[in-house]
Amino acid sequence: MESGRTKSVAKGAVNEKSEHKTPLGISMSEKHKAQLREAFDLFDSEGTGRVKAPDVKVALCALGYDVSKEELSQLLKQVGGSIVGGVDFNEFYCVLLAKMAQRESRSEAIRAFKLIDVAEKGYISVDYLRPIADSLEMDLTDDELAEMVLFAHSSIAFGKNANDIKDPLTVSEEEFLKLMGRAHVY
């Protein structure tokens, strides 16, 4: 018995509905993977099986990811490529997946913030954390919850004056996202 994927005898035919999870847990249809291959082949104008770093940046920009030269260099190193040598298809694929995962993680962080901000006031306070801690059966005092909020400020406030923080016992969505970014949640 075959899996959920449909095989086709015709060369190059792809079942648009078949999906698989990538190593980073992102769902990608065979159609989208084939489109990434086509994009790679377009950028591999010399037919070397490698795409140059500036072309990887163009591909990322075309997909809505604006990256600095430093970020591009870091991404390429993470997947085994380099600014000088470029990337092969697998490395190209992994760079794009890494950026897609970052975007999904940021979306999840925004969603988490909105779930905590039950009053939709645009900030999280100790009052919002108390019911969550209780429902998770976490034995935390209000002082410990306040320390968590203050920690969020100290983690993001490098170079900030204490007067720059509007309310030290609340965390705005922007501050929450900065904290999640520093914690490498996205």
C-alpha atoms as a PDB file:
ATOM      1  CA  MET A   1       0.000   0.000   0.000  1.00  0.00           C
ATOM      2  CA  GLU A   2       1.353   3.429  -0.970  1.00  0.00           C
ATOM      3  CA  SER A   3       1.598   6.430   1.301  1.00  0.00           C
ATOM      4  CA  GLY A   4      -0.543   9.534   0.753  1.00  0.00           C
ATOM      5  CA  ARG A   5       1.642  10.602  -2.151  1.00  0.00           C
ATOM      6  CA  THR A   6       0.537   9.912  -5.689  1.00  0.00           C
ATOM      7  CA  LYS A   7       3.196   8.696  -8.082  1.00  0.00           C
ATOM      8  CA  SER A   8       3.031   9.618 -11.716  1.00  0.00           C
ATOM      9  CA  VAL A   9       4.604   7.850 -14.648  1.00  0.00           C
ATOM     10  CA  ALA A  10       5.095  11.091 -16.570  1.00  0.00           C
ATOM     11  CA  LYS A  11       8.522  12.559 -15.900  1.00  0.00           C
ATOM     12  CA  GLY A  12       8.353  15.772 -13.939  1.00  0.00           C
ATOM     13  CA  ALA A  13       4.691  15.395 -12.969  1.00  0.00           C
ATOM     14  CA  VAL A  14       4.127  16.411  -9.373  1.00  0.00           C
ATOM     15  CA  ASN A  15       1.121  15.869  -7.168  1.00  0.00           C
ATOM     16  CA  GLU A  16       0.317  19.377  -5.895  1.00  0.00           C
ATOM     17  CA  LYS A  17      -1.496  18.062  -2.834  1.00  0.00           C
ATOM     18  CA  SER A  18       1.239  15.829  -1.476  1.00  0.00           C
ATOM     19  CA  GLU A  19       3.080  17.463   1.372  1.00  0.00           C
ATOM     20  CA  HIS A  20       5.934  16.518   3.561  1.00  0.00           C
ATOM     21  CA  LYS A  21       7.518  18.066   6.606  1.00  0.00           C
ATOM     22  CA  THR A  22      10.939  19.544   6.042  1.00  0.00           C
ATOM     23  CA  PRO A  23      13.739  18.999   8.572  1.00  0.00           C
ATOM     24  CA  LEU A  24      12.665  22.258  10.237  1.00  0.00           C
ATOM     25  CA  GLY A  25       9.062  21.061  10.553  1.00  0.00           C
ATOM     26  CA  ILE A  26       7.684  23.280   7.792  1.00  0.00           C
ATOM     27  CA  SER A  27       5.049  21.764   5.535  1.00  0.00           C
ATOM     28  CA  MET A  28       6.039  22.071   1.909  1.00  0.00           C
ATOM     29  CA  SER A  29       4.215  20.609  -1.055  1.00  0.00           C
ATOM     30  CA  GLU A  30       6.089  18.819  -3.791  1.00  0.00           C
ATOM     31  CA  LYS A  31       4.934  21.632  -6.082  1.00  0.00           C
ATOM     32  CA  HIS A  32       6.650  24.257  -3.918  1.00  0.00           C
ATOM     33  CA  LYS A  33       9.818  22.192  -3.673  1.00  0.00           C
ATOM     34  CA  ALA A  34       9.813  21.927  -7.484  1.00  0.00           C
ATOM     35  CA  GLN A  35       9.367  25.715  -7.692  1.00  0.00           C
ATOM     36  CA  LEU A  36      12.389  26.198  -5.445  1.00  0.00           C
ATOM     37  CA  ARG A  37      14.358  23.908  -7.753  1.00  0.00           C
ATOM     38  CA  GLU A  38      13.267  26.007 -10.752  1.00  0.00           C
ATOM     39  CA  ALA A  39      14.334  29.192  -8.959  1.00  0.00           C
ATOM     40  CA  PHE A  40      17.690  27.625  -8.118  1.00  0.00           C
ATOM     41  CA  ASP A  41      18.184  26.594 -11.739  1.00  0.00           C
ATOM     42  CA  LEU A  42      17.377  30.138 -12.914  1.00  0.00           C
ATOM     43  CA  PHE A  43      20.010  31.598 -10.603  1.00  0.00           C
ATOM     44  CA  ASP A  44      22.524  28.905 -11.596  1.00  0.00           C
ATOM     45  CA  SER A  45      22.985  30.618 -14.960  1.00  0.00           C
ATOM     46  CA  GLU A  46      26.422  29.073 -15.515  1.00  0.00           C
ATOM     47  CA  GLY A  47      25.150  25.532 -14.896  1.00  0.00           C
ATOM     48  CA  THR A  48      27.729  24.853 -12.174  1.00  0.00           C
ATOM     49  CA  GLY A  49      25.254  23.458  -9.666  1.00  0.00           C
ATOM     50  CA  ARG A  50      25.969  26.434  -7.403  1.00  0.00           C
ATOM     51  CA  VAL A  51      24.287  29.785  -6.882  1.00  0.00           C
ATOM     52  CA  LYS A  52      26.367  32.821  -5.941  1.00  0.00           C
ATOM     53  CA  ALA A  53      25.711  34.590  -2.644  1.00  0.00           C
ATOM     54  CA  PRO A  54      24.337  37.802  -4.243  1.00  0.00           C
ATOM     55  CA  ASP A  55      21.804  35.664  -6.127  1.00  0.00           C
ATOM     56  CA  VAL A  56      20.783  33.925  -2.889  1.00  0.00           C
ATOM     57  CA  LYS A  57      20.132  37.398  -1.463  1.00  0.00           C
ATOM     58  CA  VAL A  58      18.021  38.282  -4.534  1.00  0.00           C
ATOM     59  CA  ALA A  59      16.043  35.040  -4.119  1.00  0.00           C
ATOM     60  CA  LEU A  60      15.451  35.797  -0.441  1.00  0.00           C
ATOM     61  CA  CYS A  61      14.344  39.356  -1.269  1.00  0.00           C
ATOM     62  CA  ALA A  62      11.972  38.034  -3.939  1.00  0.00           C
ATOM     63  CA  LEU A  63      10.394  35.858  -1.253  1.00  0.00           C
ATOM     64  CA  GLY A  64      10.017  38.816   1.108  1.00  0.00           C
ATOM     65  CA  TYR A  65      13.118  38.295   3.262  1.00  0.00           C
ATOM     66  CA  ASP A  66      15.372  41.344   3.384  1.00  0.00           C
ATOM     67  CA  VAL A  67      18.730  40.215   4.774  1.00  0.00           C
ATOM     68  CA  SER A  68      21.916  42.142   5.435  1.00  0.00           C
ATOM     69  CA  LYS A  69      25.244  40.954   4.062  1.00  0.00           C
ATOM     70  CA  GLU A  70      26.213  39.832   7.580  1.00  0.00           C
ATOM     71  CA  GLU A  71      22.985  37.860   8.040  1.00  0.00           C
ATOM     72  CA  LEU A  72      23.410  36.294   4.611  1.00  0.00           C
ATOM     73  CA  SER A  73      26.975  35.297   5.465  1.00  0.00           C
ATOM     74  CA  GLN A  74      25.788  33.731   8.723  1.00  0.00           C
ATOM     75  CA  LEU A  75      22.967  31.848   6.982  1.00  0.00           C
ATOM     76  CA  LEU A  76      25.320  30.524   4.330  1.00  0.00           C
ATOM     77  CA  LYS A  77      27.819  29.359   6.966  1.00  0.00           C
ATOM     78  CA  GLN A  78      25.049  27.566   8.873  1.00  0.00           C
ATOM     79  CA  VAL A  79      24.194  25.460   5.832  1.00  0.00           C
ATOM     80  CA  GLY A  80      27.754  24.839   4.654  1.00  0.00           C
ATOM     81  CA  GLY A  81      27.926  27.478   1.923  1.00  0.00           C
ATOM     82  CA  SER A  82      29.898  30.712   1.832  1.00  0.00           C
ATOM     83  CA  ILE A  83      29.829  34.249   0.478  1.00  0.00           C
ATOM     84  CA  VAL A  84      32.678  33.349  -1.877  1.00  0.00           C
ATOM     85  CA  GLY A  85      31.625  29.863  -2.992  1.00  0.00           C
ATOM     86  CA  GLY A  86      27.864  30.280  -2.944  1.00  0.00           C
ATOM     87  CA  VAL A  87      25.555  27.316  -2.331  1.00  0.00           C
ATOM     88  CA  ASP A  88      24.408  24.108  -3.976  1.00  0.00           C
ATOM     89  CA  PHE A  89      20.700  23.229  -4.195  1.00  0.00           C
ATOM     90  CA  ASN A  90      20.511  21.539  -0.783  1.00  0.00           C
ATOM     91  CA  GLU A  91      22.185  24.524   0.864  1.00  0.00           C
ATOM     92  CA  PHE A  92      19.926  26.936  -1.065  1.00  0.00           C
ATOM     93  CA  TYR A  93      16.896  24.927   0.079  1.00  0.00           C
ATOM     94  CA  CYS A  94      18.079  24.982   3.709  1.00  0.00           C
ATOM     95  CA  VAL A  95      18.682  28.759   3.644  1.00  0.00           C
ATOM     96  CA  LEU A  96      15.138  29.341   2.402  1.00  0.00           C
ATOM     97  CA  LEU A  97      13.712  26.892   4.944  1.00  0.00           C
ATOM     98  CA  ALA A  98      15.602  28.613   7.762  1.00  0.00           C
ATOM     99  CA  LYS A  99      14.079  31.965   6.807  1.00  0.00           C
ATOM    100  CA  MET A 100      10.616  30.414   6.476  1.00  0.00           C
ATOM    101  CA  ALA A 101      10.994  28.862   9.928  1.00  0.00           C
ATOM    102  CA  GLN A 102      11.969  32.243  11.383  1.00  0.00           C
ATOM    103  CA  ARG A 103       8.853  33.829   9.908  1.00  0.00           C
ATOM    104  CA  GLU A 104       6.642  31.025  11.267  1.00  0.00           C
ATOM    105  CA  SER A 105       8.295  31.295  14.686  1.00  0.00           C
ATOM    106  CA  ARG A 106       7.694  35.057  14.757  1.00  0.00           C
ATOM    107  CA  SER A 107       4.048  34.469  13.842  1.00  0.00           C
ATOM    108  CA  GLU A 108       3.798  31.963  16.686  1.00  0.00           C
ATOM    109  CA  ALA A 109       5.390  34.467  19.098  1.00  0.00           C
ATOM    110  CA  ILE A 110       2.827  37.095  18.049  1.00  0.00           C
ATOM    111  CA  ARG A 111       0.055  34.544  18.506  1.00  0.00           C
ATOM    112  CA  ALA A 112       1.397  33.654  21.982  1.00  0.00           C
ATOM    113  CA  PHE A 113       1.447  37.336  22.952  1.00  0.00           C
ATOM    114  CA  LYS A 114      -2.155  37.758  21.819  1.00  0.00           C
ATOM    115  CA  LEU A 115      -3.215  34.684  23.816  1.00  0.00           C
ATOM    116  CA  ILE A 116      -1.647  36.147  26.961  1.00  0.00           C
ATOM    117  CA  ASP A 117      -3.006  39.671  26.317  1.00  0.00           C
ATOM    118  CA  VAL A 118      -6.579  38.566  27.008  1.00  0.00           C
ATOM    119  CA  ALA A 119      -7.852  42.132  27.484  1.00  0.00           C
ATOM    120  CA  GLU A 120      -6.325  43.147  24.137  1.00  0.00           C
ATOM    121  CA  LYS A 121      -4.631  46.188  25.674  1.00  0.00           C
ATOM    122  CA  GLY A 122      -1.353  45.688  23.827  1.00  0.00           C
ATOM    123  CA  TYR A 123       0.669  44.640  26.847  1.00  0.00           C
ATOM    124  CA  ILE A 124       1.203  41.758  29.246  1.00  0.00           C
ATOM    125  CA  SER A 125       1.101  42.354  32.978  1.00  0.00           C
ATOM    126  CA  VAL A 126       1.418  40.235  36.106  1.00  0.00           C
ATOM    127  CA  ASP A 127      -2.389  40.186  36.232  1.00  0.00           C
ATOM    128  CA  TYR A 128      -2.414  38.360  32.871  1.00  0.00           C
ATOM    129  CA  LEU A 129       0.296  35.919  33.914  1.00  0.00           C
ATOM    130  CA  ARG A 130      -1.404  34.854  37.177  1.00  0.00           C
ATOM    131  CA  PRO A 131      -4.250  32.802  35.564  1.00  0.00           C
ATOM    132  CA  ILE A 132      -1.779  31.185  33.153  1.00  0.00           C
ATOM    133  CA  ALA A 133       0.578  30.188  35.971  1.00  0.00           C
ATOM    134  CA  ASP A 134      -2.371  28.846  37.960  1.00  0.00           C
ATOM    135  CA  SER A 135      -3.804  26.855  35.045  1.00  0.00           C
ATOM    136  CA  LEU A 136      -0.373  25.292  34.471  1.00  0.00           C
ATOM    137  CA  GLU A 137      -0.212  24.526  38.206  1.00  0.00           C
ATOM    138  CA  MET A 138       2.956  26.576  38.555  1.00  0.00           C
ATOM    139  CA  ASP A 139       3.554  27.557  42.157  1.00  0.00           C
ATOM    140  CA  LEU A 140       4.646  31.150  41.525  1.00  0.00           C
ATOM    141  CA  THR A 141       4.114  34.132  43.781  1.00  0.00           C
ATOM    142  CA  ASP A 142       3.092  37.519  42.422  1.00  0.00           C
ATOM    143  CA  ASP A 143       6.618  38.723  43.222  1.00  0.00           C
ATOM    144  CA  GLU A 144       8.074  35.934  41.057  1.00  0.00           C
ATOM    145  CA  LEU A 145       5.714  36.849  38.218  1.00  0.00           C
ATOM    146  CA  ALA A 146       6.735  40.499  38.606  1.00  0.00           C
ATOM    147  CA  GLU A 147      10.386  39.400  38.410  1.00  0.00           C
ATOM    148  CA  MET A 148       9.613  37.674  35.101  1.00  0.00           C
ATOM    149  CA  VAL A 149       8.209  40.903  33.695  1.00  0.00           C
ATOM    150  CA  LEU A 150      11.142  42.910  35.050  1.00  0.00           C
ATOM    151  CA  PHE A 151      13.527  40.337  33.541  1.00  0.00           C
ATOM    152  CA  ALA A 152      11.884  40.942  30.169  1.00  0.00           C
ATOM    153  CA  HIS A 153      12.758  44.615  30.519  1.00  0.00           C
ATOM    154  CA  SER A 154      16.329  43.975  31.660  1.00  0.00           C
ATOM    155  CA  SER A 155      16.838  41.559  28.755  1.00  0.00           C
ATOM    156  CA  ILE A 156      15.760  44.085  26.154  1.00  0.00           C
ATOM    157  CA  ALA A 157      16.776  47.342  27.776  1.00  0.00           C
ATOM    158  CA  PHE A 158      20.520  47.305  27.132  1.00  0.00           C
ATOM    159  CA  GLY A 159      21.499  50.941  26.776  1.00  0.00           C
ATOM    160  CA  LYS A 160      18.075  52.143  27.915  1.00  0.00           C
ATOM    161  CA  ASN A 161      17.513  54.388  30.859  1.00  0.00           C
ATOM    162  CA  ALA A 162      14.949  53.149  33.400  1.00  0.00           C
ATOM    163  CA  ASN A 163      12.870  56.230  32.521  1.00  0.00           C
ATOM    164  CA  ASP A 164      12.584  54.961  28.919  1.00  0.00           C
ATOM    165  CA  ILE A 165      10.446  52.042  30.092  1.00  0.00           C
ATOM    166  CA  LYS A 166       6.814  53.172  30.191  1.00  0.00           C
ATOM    167  CA  ASP A 167       5.640  50.730  32.860  1.00  0.00           C
ATOM    168  CA  PRO A 168       8.152  48.308  34.368  1.00  0.00           C
ATOM    169  CA  LEU A 169       5.377  45.858  35.278  1.00  0.00           C
ATOM    170  CA  THR A 170       4.052  45.479  31.745  1.00  0.00           C
ATOM    171  CA  VAL A 171       5.593  44.140  28.543  1.00  0.00           C
ATOM    172  CA  SER A 172       4.432  45.504  25.191  1.00  0.00           C
ATOM    173  CA  GLU A 173       4.114  43.314  22.105  1.00  0.00           C
ATOM    174  CA  GLU A 174       7.271  44.886  20.665  1.00  0.00           C
ATOM    175  CA  GLU A 175       9.189  44.170  23.882  1.00  0.00           C
ATOM    176  CA  PHE A 176       7.821  40.615  23.994  1.00  0.00           C
ATOM    177  CA  LEU A 177       8.944  39.980  20.407  1.00  0.00           C
ATOM    178  CA  LYS A 178      12.408  41.404  21.141  1.00  0.00           C
ATOM    179  CA  LEU A 179      12.685  39.096  24.137  1.00  0.00           C
ATOM    180  CA  MET A 180      11.571  36.091  22.082  1.00  0.00           C
ATOM    181  CA  GLY A 181      14.132  37.027  19.422  1.00  0.00           C
ATOM    182  CA  ARG A 182      16.913  37.282  22.010  1.00  0.00           C
ATOM    183  CA  ALA A 183      15.861  33.890  23.377  1.00  0.00           C
ATOM    184  CA  HIS A 184      16.135  32.535  19.812  1.00  0.00           C
ATOM    185  CA  VAL A 185      12.474  31.555  19.792  1.00  0.00           C
ATOM    186  CA  TYR A 186      12.449  33.044  16.295  1.00  0.00           C
END
